[in-house]
Amino acid sequence: MDRFDQLHNNVMQFREVSGTTALDIALLPEPFNLILQKLIRQGSMSIQEMAEEFQLTPDEAHHLGEDLIAKGYLRAGEREDGGTMYHVYFARMRKQNIPLDL
């Protein structure tokens, strides 16, 4: 099994989420947790950058990015030159009604 197949199979085992949290990302297996943490720090990552990080071809990185989008961990955006940029898709924080007189 090559690297792409192994990474793809790992992603297919991730639970589906409607956005993620930093804790969810920290609990992912390597190299996903490290790369998504880097993506959080950078703000976005191109397909080429993702390919370098995962040690894949750009086409394989694109497919892996689409898998992560389908699972709810990433969102895709468009660069000025028409390329794709990936962003971490964060879960919306629920409003918590905590009484002030605790």
PDB file of N, CA and C in Angstrom:
ATOM      1  N   MET A   1       0.855  -1.181   0.000  1.00  0.00           N
ATOM      2  CA  MET A   1       0.000   0.000   0.000  1.00  0.00           C
ATOM      3  C   MET A   1       0.897   1.240   0.000  1.00  0.00           C
ATOM      4  N   ASP A   2       0.643   2.152  -0.936  1.00  0.00           N
ATOM      5  CA  ASP A   2       1.471   3.350  -0.999  1.00  0.00           C
ATOM      6  C   ASP A   2       0.995   4.403   0.007  1.00  0.00           C
ATOM      7  N   ARG A   3       1.774   5.467   0.110  1.00  0.00           N
ATOM      8  CA  ARG A   3       1.512   6.509   1.123  1.00  0.00           C
ATOM      9  C   ARG A   3       0.126   7.136   0.956  1.00  0.00           C
ATOM     10  N   PHE A   4      -0.252   7.456  -0.281  1.00  0.00           N
ATOM     11  CA  PHE A   4      -1.562   8.073  -0.495  1.00  0.00           C
ATOM     12  C   PHE A   4      -2.680   7.155  -0.017  1.00  0.00           C
ATOM     13  N   ASP A   5      -2.619   5.883  -0.392  1.00  0.00           N
ATOM     14  CA  ASP A   5      -3.672   4.947   0.011  1.00  0.00           C
ATOM     15  C   ASP A   5      -3.767   4.845   1.528  1.00  0.00           C
ATOM     16  N   GLN A   6      -2.629   4.828   2.178  1.00  0.00           N
ATOM     17  CA  GLN A   6      -2.604   4.742   3.643  1.00  0.00           C
ATOM     18  C   GLN A   6      -3.247   5.984   4.266  1.00  0.00           C
ATOM     19  N   LEU A   7      -2.865   7.175   3.774  1.00  0.00           N
ATOM     20  CA  LEU A   7      -3.437   8.418   4.310  1.00  0.00           C
ATOM     21  C   LEU A   7      -4.930   8.503   4.001  1.00  0.00           C
ATOM     22  N   HIS A   8      -5.308   8.117   2.786  1.00  0.00           N
ATOM     23  CA  HIS A   8      -6.728   8.131   2.398  1.00  0.00           C
ATOM     24  C   HIS A   8      -7.538   7.213   3.318  1.00  0.00           C
ATOM     25  N   ASN A   9      -7.037   6.020   3.568  1.00  0.00           N
ATOM     26  CA  ASN A   9      -7.738   5.079   4.453  1.00  0.00           C
ATOM     27  C   ASN A   9      -7.861   5.630   5.868  1.00  0.00           C
ATOM     28  N   ASN A  10      -6.827   6.331   6.339  1.00  0.00           N
ATOM     29  CA  ASN A  10      -6.901   6.961   7.664  1.00  0.00           C
ATOM     30  C   ASN A  10      -8.023   7.985   7.708  1.00  0.00           C
ATOM     31  N   VAL A  11      -8.100   8.843   6.690  1.00  0.00           N
ATOM     32  CA  VAL A  11      -9.130   9.885   6.660  1.00  0.00           C
ATOM     33  C   VAL A  11     -10.518   9.254   6.618  1.00  0.00           C
ATOM     34  N   MET A  12     -10.681   8.178   5.880  1.00  0.00           N
ATOM     35  CA  MET A  12     -11.988   7.527   5.786  1.00  0.00           C
ATOM     36  C   MET A  12     -12.450   6.993   7.141  1.00  0.00           C
ATOM     37  N   GLN A  13     -11.531   6.777   8.066  1.00  0.00           N
ATOM     38  CA  GLN A  13     -11.890   6.302   9.399  1.00  0.00           C
ATOM     39  C   GLN A  13     -12.210   7.449  10.363  1.00  0.00           C
ATOM     40  N   PHE A  14     -11.895   8.694   9.980  1.00  0.00           N
ATOM     41  CA  PHE A  14     -12.217   9.839  10.831  1.00  0.00           C
ATOM     42  C   PHE A  14     -13.726   9.974  10.917  1.00  0.00           C
ATOM     43  N   ARG A  15     -14.199  10.425  12.081  1.00  0.00           N
ATOM     44  CA  ARG A  15     -15.628  10.678  12.206  1.00  0.00           C
ATOM     45  C   ARG A  15     -15.968  11.969  11.454  1.00  0.00           C
ATOM     46  N   GLU A  16     -17.175  12.038  10.948  1.00  0.00           N
ATOM     47  CA  GLU A  16     -17.609  13.252  10.265  1.00  0.00           C
ATOM     48  C   GLU A  16     -17.966  14.301  11.302  1.00  0.00           C
ATOM     49  N   VAL A  17     -17.559  15.537  11.041  1.00  0.00           N
ATOM     50  CA  VAL A  17     -17.827  16.645  11.948  1.00  0.00           C
ATOM     51  C   VAL A  17     -18.388  17.812  11.148  1.00  0.00           C
ATOM     52  N   SER A  18     -19.047  18.712  11.829  1.00  0.00           N
ATOM     53  CA  SER A  18     -19.520  19.954  11.211  1.00  0.00           C
ATOM     54  C   SER A  18     -18.598  21.063  11.669  1.00  0.00           C
ATOM     55  N   GLY A  19     -17.360  20.965  11.272  1.00  0.00           N
ATOM     56  CA  GLY A  19     -16.334  21.867  11.760  1.00  0.00           C
ATOM     57  C   GLY A  19     -15.613  21.201  12.910  1.00  0.00           C
ATOM     58  N   THR A  20     -14.409  21.645  13.154  1.00  0.00           N
ATOM     59  CA  THR A  20     -13.570  21.003  14.156  1.00  0.00           C
ATOM     60  C   THR A  20     -13.069  22.011  15.170  1.00  0.00           C
ATOM     61  N   THR A  21     -12.436  21.513  16.199  1.00  0.00           N
ATOM     62  CA  THR A  21     -11.823  22.364  17.222  1.00  0.00           C
ATOM     63  C   THR A  21     -10.335  22.050  17.265  1.00  0.00           C
ATOM     64  N   ALA A  22      -9.584  22.891  17.938  1.00  0.00           N
ATOM     65  CA  ALA A  22      -8.145  22.642  18.084  1.00  0.00           C
ATOM     66  C   ALA A  22      -7.901  21.331  18.833  1.00  0.00           C
ATOM     67  N   LEU A  23      -8.748  21.011  19.794  1.00  0.00           N
ATOM     68  CA  LEU A  23      -8.599  19.759  20.534  1.00  0.00           C
ATOM     69  C   LEU A  23      -8.838  18.558  19.622  1.00  0.00           C
ATOM     70  N   ASP A  24      -9.873  18.623  18.776  1.00  0.00           N
ATOM     71  CA  ASP A  24     -10.128  17.541  17.823  1.00  0.00           C
ATOM     72  C   ASP A  24      -8.906  17.309  16.935  1.00  0.00           C
ATOM     73  N   ILE A  25      -8.309  18.384  16.475  1.00  0.00           N
ATOM     74  CA  ILE A  25      -7.141  18.274  15.600  1.00  0.00           C
ATOM     75  C   ILE A  25      -5.961  17.676  16.354  1.00  0.00           C
ATOM     76  N   ALA A  26      -5.764  18.086  17.591  1.00  0.00           N
ATOM     77  CA  ALA A  26      -4.656  17.549  18.389  1.00  0.00           C
ATOM     78  C   ALA A  26      -4.801  16.049  18.607  1.00  0.00           C
ATOM     79  N   LEU A  27      -6.034  15.541  18.605  1.00  0.00           N
ATOM     80  CA  LEU A  27      -6.281  14.126  18.834  1.00  0.00           C
ATOM     81  C   LEU A  27      -6.188  13.280  17.563  1.00  0.00           C
ATOM     82  N   LEU A  28      -6.047  13.916  16.400  1.00  0.00           N
ATOM     83  CA  LEU A  28      -5.897  13.170  15.154  1.00  0.00           C
ATOM     84  C   LEU A  28      -4.541  12.474  15.129  1.00  0.00           C
ATOM     85  N   PRO A  29      -4.430  11.380  14.383  1.00  0.00           N
ATOM     86  CA  PRO A  29      -3.131  10.706  14.282  1.00  0.00           C
ATOM     87  C   PRO A  29      -2.150  11.529  13.446  1.00  0.00           C
ATOM     88  N   GLU A  30      -0.862  11.273  13.667  1.00  0.00           N
ATOM     89  CA  GLU A  30       0.156  11.930  12.841  1.00  0.00           C
ATOM     90  C   GLU A  30       0.093  11.342  11.448  1.00  0.00           C
ATOM     91  N   PRO A  31       0.362  12.057  10.421  1.00  0.00           N
ATOM     92  CA  PRO A  31       0.829  13.432  10.359  1.00  0.00           C
ATOM     93  C   PRO A  31      -0.294  14.453  10.302  1.00  0.00           C
ATOM     94  N   PHE A  32      -1.555  13.995  10.342  1.00  0.00           N
ATOM     95  CA  PHE A  32      -2.690  14.915  10.194  1.00  0.00           C
ATOM     96  C   PHE A  32      -2.699  15.992  11.269  1.00  0.00           C
ATOM     97  N   ASN A  33      -2.479  15.604  12.523  1.00  0.00           N
ATOM     98  CA  ASN A  33      -2.532  16.591  13.596  1.00  0.00           C
ATOM     99  C   ASN A  33      -1.461  17.664  13.403  1.00  0.00           C
ATOM    100  N   LEU A  34      -0.257  17.273  13.044  1.00  0.00           N
ATOM    101  CA  LEU A  34       0.825  18.245  12.873  1.00  0.00           C
ATOM    102  C   LEU A  34       0.568  19.174  11.687  1.00  0.00           C
ATOM    103  N   ILE A  35       0.103  18.608  10.594  1.00  0.00           N
ATOM    104  CA  ILE A  35      -0.126  19.419   9.395  1.00  0.00           C
ATOM    105  C   ILE A  35      -1.318  20.351   9.584  1.00  0.00           C
ATOM    106  N   LEU A  36      -2.397  19.880  10.201  1.00  0.00           N
ATOM    107  CA  LEU A  36      -3.549  20.757  10.422  1.00  0.00           C
ATOM    108  C   LEU A  36      -3.236  21.830  11.465  1.00  0.00           C
ATOM    109  N   GLN A  37      -2.387  21.519  12.445  1.00  0.00           N
ATOM    110  CA  GLN A  37      -1.963  22.562  13.390  1.00  0.00           C
ATOM    111  C   GLN A  37      -1.144  23.626  12.664  1.00  0.00           C
ATOM    112  N   LYS A  38      -0.298  23.207  11.747  1.00  0.00           N
ATOM    113  CA  LYS A  38       0.468  24.166  10.945  1.00  0.00           C
ATOM    114  C   LYS A  38      -0.472  25.002  10.084  1.00  0.00           C
ATOM    115  N   LEU A  39      -1.495  24.357   9.534  1.00  0.00           N
ATOM    116  CA  LEU A  39      -2.470  25.068   8.722  1.00  0.00           C
ATOM    117  C   LEU A  39      -3.205  26.122   9.545  1.00  0.00           C
ATOM    118  N   ILE A  40      -3.500  25.808  10.806  1.00  0.00           N
ATOM    119  CA  ILE A  40      -4.132  26.791  11.698  1.00  0.00           C
ATOM    120  C   ILE A  40      -3.211  27.992  11.878  1.00  0.00           C
ATOM    121  N   ARG A  41      -1.939  27.733  12.130  1.00  0.00           N
ATOM    122  CA  ARG A  41      -0.988  28.834  12.348  1.00  0.00           C
ATOM    123  C   ARG A  41      -0.817  29.692  11.098  1.00  0.00           C
ATOM    124  N   GLN A  42      -0.756  29.065   9.934  1.00  0.00           N
ATOM    125  CA  GLN A  42      -0.552  29.789   8.673  1.00  0.00           C
ATOM    126  C   GLN A  42      -1.819  30.478   8.186  1.00  0.00           C
ATOM    127  N   GLY A  43      -2.974  29.911   8.510  1.00  0.00           N
ATOM    128  CA  GLY A  43      -4.240  30.455   8.034  1.00  0.00           C
ATOM    129  C   GLY A  43      -4.769  29.743   6.803  1.00  0.00           C
ATOM    130  N   SER A  44      -3.885  29.348   5.904  1.00  0.00           N
ATOM    131  CA  SER A  44      -4.300  28.611   4.708  1.00  0.00           C
ATOM    132  C   SER A  44      -3.097  27.872   4.138  1.00  0.00           C
ATOM    133  N   MET A  45      -3.380  26.960   3.208  1.00  0.00           N
ATOM    134  CA  MET A  45      -2.327  26.168   2.603  1.00  0.00           C
ATOM    135  C   MET A  45      -2.768  25.822   1.181  1.00  0.00           C
ATOM    136  N   SER A  46      -1.869  25.998   0.228  1.00  0.00           N
ATOM    137  CA  SER A  46      -2.170  25.648  -1.157  1.00  0.00           C
ATOM    138  C   SER A  46      -2.049  24.138  -1.348  1.00  0.00           C
ATOM    139  N   ILE A  47      -2.531  23.658  -2.480  1.00  0.00           N
ATOM    140  CA  ILE A  47      -2.400  22.234  -2.789  1.00  0.00           C
ATOM    141  C   ILE A  47      -0.930  21.844  -2.840  1.00  0.00           C
ATOM    142  N   GLN A  48      -0.101  22.695  -3.432  1.00  0.00           N
ATOM    143  CA  GLN A  48       1.333  22.407  -3.530  1.00  0.00           C
ATOM    144  C   GLN A  48       1.967  22.300  -2.142  1.00  0.00           C
ATOM    145  N   GLU A  49       1.621  23.224  -1.257  1.00  0.00           N
ATOM    146  CA  GLU A  49       2.150  23.166   0.108  1.00  0.00           C
ATOM    147  C   GLU A  49       1.667  21.909   0.830  1.00  0.00           C
ATOM    148  N   MET A  50       0.385  21.564   0.632  1.00  0.00           N
ATOM    149  CA  MET A  50      -0.146  20.362   1.261  1.00  0.00           C
ATOM    150  C   MET A  50       0.561  19.123   0.713  1.00  0.00           C
ATOM    151  N   ALA A  51       0.830  19.112  -0.574  1.00  0.00           N
ATOM    152  CA  ALA A  51       1.536  17.986  -1.186  1.00  0.00           C
ATOM    153  C   ALA A  51       2.922  17.815  -0.559  1.00  0.00           C
ATOM    154  N   GLU A  52       3.614  18.913  -0.353  1.00  0.00           N
ATOM    155  CA  GLU A  52       4.935  18.858   0.271  1.00  0.00           C
ATOM    156  C   GLU A  52       4.850  18.354   1.706  1.00  0.00           C
ATOM    157  N   GLU A  53       3.871  18.834   2.444  1.00  0.00           N
ATOM    158  CA  GLU A  53       3.722  18.435   3.845  1.00  0.00           C
ATOM    159  C   GLU A  53       3.410  16.940   3.980  1.00  0.00           C
ATOM    160  N   PHE A  54       2.521  16.430   3.119  1.00  0.00           N
ATOM    161  CA  PHE A  54       2.127  15.020   3.187  1.00  0.00           C
ATOM    162  C   PHE A  54       3.053  14.116   2.375  1.00  0.00           C
ATOM    163  N   GLN A  55       4.007  14.716   1.654  1.00  0.00           N
ATOM    164  CA  GLN A  55       4.925  13.976   0.778  1.00  0.00           C
ATOM    165  C   GLN A  55       4.142  13.206  -0.285  1.00  0.00           C
ATOM    166  N   LEU A  56       3.248  13.935  -0.961  1.00  0.00           N
ATOM    167  CA  LEU A  56       2.399  13.384  -2.015  1.00  0.00           C
ATOM    168  C   LEU A  56       2.555  14.226  -3.268  1.00  0.00           C
ATOM    169  N   THR A  57       1.994  13.752  -4.371  1.00  0.00           N
ATOM    170  CA  THR A  57       1.907  14.566  -5.575  1.00  0.00           C
ATOM    171  C   THR A  57       0.794  15.598  -5.369  1.00  0.00           C
ATOM    172  N   PRO A  58       0.806  16.695  -6.126  1.00  0.00           N
ATOM    173  CA  PRO A  58      -0.282  17.666  -5.991  1.00  0.00           C
ATOM    174  C   PRO A  58      -1.667  17.061  -6.243  1.00  0.00           C
ATOM    175  N   ASP A  59      -1.773  16.138  -7.203  1.00  0.00           N
ATOM    176  CA  ASP A  59      -3.063  15.508  -7.475  1.00  0.00           C
ATOM    177  C   ASP A  59      -3.524  14.674  -6.279  1.00  0.00           C
ATOM    178  N   GLU A  60      -2.616  13.928  -5.669  1.00  0.00           N
ATOM    179  CA  GLU A  60      -2.958  13.138  -4.488  1.00  0.00           C
ATOM    180  C   GLU A  60      -3.338  14.037  -3.319  1.00  0.00           C
ATOM    181  N   ALA A  61      -2.595  15.144  -3.157  1.00  0.00           N
ATOM    182  CA  ALA A  61      -2.901  16.094  -2.082  1.00  0.00           C
ATOM    183  C   ALA A  61      -4.283  16.705  -2.286  1.00  0.00           C
ATOM    184  N   HIS A  62      -4.631  16.979  -3.534  1.00  0.00           N
ATOM    185  CA  HIS A  62      -5.964  17.522  -3.838  1.00  0.00           C
ATOM    186  C   HIS A  62      -7.051  16.531  -3.413  1.00  0.00           C
ATOM    187  N   HIS A  63      -6.861  15.258  -3.748  1.00  0.00           N
ATOM    188  CA  HIS A  63      -7.841  14.235  -3.354  1.00  0.00           C
ATOM    189  C   HIS A  63      -7.923  14.096  -1.842  1.00  0.00           C
ATOM    190  N   LEU A  64      -6.785  14.149  -1.160  1.00  0.00           N
ATOM    191  CA  LEU A  64      -6.775  14.059   0.297  1.00  0.00           C
ATOM    192  C   LEU A  64      -7.469  15.273   0.910  1.00  0.00           C
ATOM    193  N   GLY A  65      -7.223  16.452   0.328  1.00  0.00           N
ATOM    194  CA  GLY A  65      -7.916  17.660   0.780  1.00  0.00           C
ATOM    195  C   GLY A  65      -9.420  17.538   0.615  1.00  0.00           C
ATOM    196  N   GLU A  66      -9.863  16.981  -0.501  1.00  0.00           N
ATOM    197  CA  GLU A  66     -11.294  16.773  -0.726  1.00  0.00           C
ATOM    198  C   GLU A  66     -11.867  15.788   0.293  1.00  0.00           C
ATOM    199  N   ASP A  67     -11.090  14.765   0.646  1.00  0.00           N
ATOM    200  CA  ASP A  67     -11.534  13.823   1.683  1.00  0.00           C
ATOM    201  C   ASP A  67     -11.720  14.535   3.014  1.00  0.00           C
ATOM    202  N   LEU A  68     -10.768  15.408   3.365  1.00  0.00           N
ATOM    203  CA  LEU A  68     -10.845  16.148   4.632  1.00  0.00           C
ATOM    204  C   LEU A  68     -12.001  17.157   4.614  1.00  0.00           C
ATOM    205  N   ILE A  69     -12.311  17.694   3.443  1.00  0.00           N
ATOM    206  CA  ILE A  69     -13.477  18.579   3.311  1.00  0.00           C
ATOM    207  C   ILE A  69     -14.749  17.771   3.542  1.00  0.00           C
ATOM    208  N   ALA A  70     -14.833  16.601   2.924  1.00  0.00           N
ATOM    209  CA  ALA A  70     -16.015  15.745   3.068  1.00  0.00           C
ATOM    210  C   ALA A  70     -16.238  15.323   4.519  1.00  0.00           C
ATOM    211  N   LYS A  71     -15.158  15.172   5.282  1.00  0.00           N
ATOM    212  CA  LYS A  71     -15.274  14.786   6.687  1.00  0.00           C
ATOM    213  C   LYS A  71     -15.550  15.988   7.593  1.00  0.00           C
ATOM    214  N   GLY A  72     -15.444  17.219   7.052  1.00  0.00           N
ATOM    215  CA  GLY A  72     -15.778  18.410   7.822  1.00  0.00           C
ATOM    216  C   GLY A  72     -14.603  19.088   8.514  1.00  0.00           C
ATOM    217  N   TYR A  73     -13.369  18.718   8.171  1.00  0.00           N
ATOM    218  CA  TYR A  73     -12.203  19.300   8.831  1.00  0.00           C
ATOM    219  C   TYR A  73     -11.635  20.511   8.089  1.00  0.00           C
ATOM    220  N   LEU A  74     -11.827  20.563   6.781  1.00  0.00           N
ATOM    221  CA  LEU A  74     -11.286  21.653   5.974  1.00  0.00           C
ATOM    222  C   LEU A  74     -12.373  22.297   5.134  1.00  0.00           C
ATOM    223  N   ARG A  75     -12.053  23.487   4.664  1.00  0.00           N
ATOM    224  CA  ARG A  75     -12.835  24.189   3.649  1.00  0.00           C
ATOM    225  C   ARG A  75     -11.862  24.604   2.557  1.00  0.00           C
ATOM    226  N   ALA A  76     -12.374  24.728   1.362  1.00  0.00           N
ATOM    227  CA  ALA A  76     -11.544  25.163   0.240  1.00  0.00           C
ATOM    228  C   ALA A  76     -11.942  26.571  -0.162  1.00  0.00           C
ATOM    229  N   GLY A  77     -10.953  27.331  -0.566  1.00  0.00           N
ATOM    230  CA  GLY A  77     -11.174  28.661  -1.094  1.00  0.00           C
ATOM    231  C   GLY A  77     -10.353  28.825  -2.352  1.00  0.00           C
ATOM    232  N   GLU A  78     -10.586  29.896  -3.067  1.00  0.00           N
ATOM    233  CA  GLU A  78      -9.870  30.118  -4.309  1.00  0.00           C
ATOM    234  C   GLU A  78      -8.825  31.204  -4.151  1.00  0.00           C
ATOM    235  N   ARG A  79      -7.643  30.940  -4.693  1.00  0.00           N
ATOM    236  CA  ARG A  79      -6.569  31.941  -4.698  1.00  0.00           C
ATOM    237  C   ARG A  79      -6.806  32.912  -5.840  1.00  0.00           C
ATOM    238  N   GLU A  80      -6.069  34.014  -5.829  1.00  0.00           N
ATOM    239  CA  GLU A  80      -6.200  35.015  -6.888  1.00  0.00           C
ATOM    240  C   GLU A  80      -5.860  34.446  -8.255  1.00  0.00           C
ATOM    241  N   ASP A  81      -4.916  33.495  -8.289  1.00  0.00           N
ATOM    242  CA  ASP A  81      -4.517  32.907  -9.571  1.00  0.00           C
ATOM    243  C   ASP A  81      -5.407  31.739  -9.986  1.00  0.00           C
ATOM    244  N   GLY A  82      -6.482  31.488  -9.233  1.00  0.00           N
ATOM    245  CA  GLY A  82      -7.417  30.428  -9.574  1.00  0.00           C
ATOM    246  C   GLY A  82      -7.131  29.105  -8.901  1.00  0.00           C
ATOM    247  N   GLY A  83      -6.021  29.001  -8.182  1.00  0.00           N
ATOM    248  CA  GLY A  83      -5.686  27.773  -7.463  1.00  0.00           C
ATOM    249  C   GLY A  83      -6.536  27.610  -6.212  1.00  0.00           C
ATOM    250  N   THR A  84      -6.419  26.459  -5.596  1.00  0.00           N
ATOM    251  CA  THR A  84      -7.196  26.149  -4.390  1.00  0.00           C
ATOM    252  C   THR A  84      -6.364  26.366  -3.138  1.00  0.00           C
ATOM    253  N   MET A  85      -6.991  26.953  -2.132  1.00  0.00           N
ATOM    254  CA  MET A  85      -6.388  27.108  -0.810  1.00  0.00           C
ATOM    255  C   MET A  85      -7.268  26.376   0.188  1.00  0.00           C
ATOM    256  N   TYR A  86      -6.633  25.677   1.122  1.00  0.00           N
ATOM    257  CA  TYR A  86      -7.374  24.976   2.169  1.00  0.00           C
ATOM    258  C   TYR A  86      -7.294  25.750   3.466  1.00  0.00           C
ATOM    259  N   HIS A  87      -8.405  25.755   4.206  1.00  0.00           N
ATOM    260  CA  HIS A  87      -8.510  26.404   5.506  1.00  0.00           C
ATOM    261  C   HIS A  87      -9.138  25.406   6.471  1.00  0.00           C
ATOM    262  N   VAL A  88      -8.751  25.478   7.731  1.00  0.00           N
ATOM    263  CA  VAL A  88      -9.393  24.635   8.733  1.00  0.00           C
ATOM    264  C   VAL A  88     -10.806  25.161   8.938  1.00  0.00           C
ATOM    265  N   TYR A  89     -11.759  24.251   8.960  1.00  0.00           N
ATOM    266  CA  TYR A  89     -13.162  24.595   9.175  1.00  0.00           C
ATOM    267  C   TYR A  89     -13.459  24.404  10.662  1.00  0.00           C
ATOM    268  N   PHE A  90     -13.557  25.514  11.378  1.00  0.00           N
ATOM    269  CA  PHE A  90     -13.788  25.462  12.817  1.00  0.00           C
ATOM    270  C   PHE A  90     -15.273  25.336  13.135  1.00  0.00           C
ATOM    271  N   ALA A  91     -15.563  24.551  14.157  1.00  0.00           N
ATOM    272  CA  ALA A  91     -16.931  24.400  14.635  1.00  0.00           C
ATOM    273  C   ALA A  91     -17.396  25.709  15.252  1.00  0.00           C
ATOM    274  N   ARG A  92     -18.668  25.972  15.104  1.00  0.00           N
ATOM    275  CA  ARG A  92     -19.240  27.159  15.745  1.00  0.00           C
ATOM    276  C   ARG A  92     -19.351  26.888  17.234  1.00  0.00           C
ATOM    277  N   MET A  93     -18.976  27.863  18.008  1.00  0.00           N
ATOM    278  CA  MET A  93     -19.068  27.733  19.461  1.00  0.00           C
ATOM    279  C   MET A  93     -20.504  28.024  19.878  1.00  0.00           C
ATOM    280  N   ARG A  94     -21.024  27.147  20.686  1.00  0.00           N
ATOM    281  CA  ARG A  94     -22.392  27.346  21.180  1.00  0.00           C
ATOM    282  C   ARG A  94     -22.385  28.368  22.304  1.00  0.00           C
ATOM    283  N   LYS A  95     -23.411  29.178  22.321  1.00  0.00           N
ATOM    284  CA  LYS A  95     -23.555  30.145  23.391  1.00  0.00           C
ATOM    285  C   LYS A  95     -23.942  29.395  24.659  1.00  0.00           C
ATOM    286  N   GLN A  96     -23.238  29.663  25.717  1.00  0.00           N
ATOM    287  CA  GLN A  96     -23.546  29.020  26.989  1.00  0.00           C
ATOM    288  C   GLN A  96     -24.129  30.058  27.935  1.00  0.00           C
ATOM    289  N   ASN A  97     -25.291  29.758  28.439  1.00  0.00           N
ATOM    290  CA  ASN A  97     -25.955  30.667  29.357  1.00  0.00           C
ATOM    291  C   ASN A  97     -25.560  30.295  30.778  1.00  0.00           C
ATOM    292  N   ILE A  98     -24.529  30.930  31.264  1.00  0.00           N
ATOM    293  CA  ILE A  98     -24.053  30.678  32.620  1.00  0.00           C
ATOM    294  C   ILE A  98     -24.541  31.835  33.481  1.00  0.00           C
ATOM    295  N   PRO A  99     -25.255  31.523  34.556  1.00  0.00           N
ATOM    296  CA  PRO A  99     -25.750  32.608  35.412  1.00  0.00           C
ATOM    297  C   PRO A  99     -24.593  33.400  36.033  1.00  0.00           C
ATOM    298  N   LEU A 100     -24.779  34.683  36.122  1.00  0.00           N
ATOM    299  CA  LEU A 100     -23.728  35.552  36.654  1.00  0.00           C
ATOM    300  C   LEU A 100     -23.605  35.458  38.183  1.00  0.00           C
ATOM    301  N   ASP A 101     -24.610  34.922  38.861  1.00  0.00           N
ATOM    302  CA  ASP A 101     -24.598  34.895  40.334  1.00  0.00           C
ATOM    303  C   ASP A 101     -24.140  33.536  40.890  1.00  0.00           C
ATOM    304  N   LEU A 102     -23.239  32.877  40.235  1.00  0.00           N
ATOM    305  CA  LEU A 102     -22.769  31.574  40.731  1.00  0.00           C
ATOM    306  C   LEU A 102     -22.043  31.718  42.010  1.00  0.00           C
TER     307      LEU A 102
END
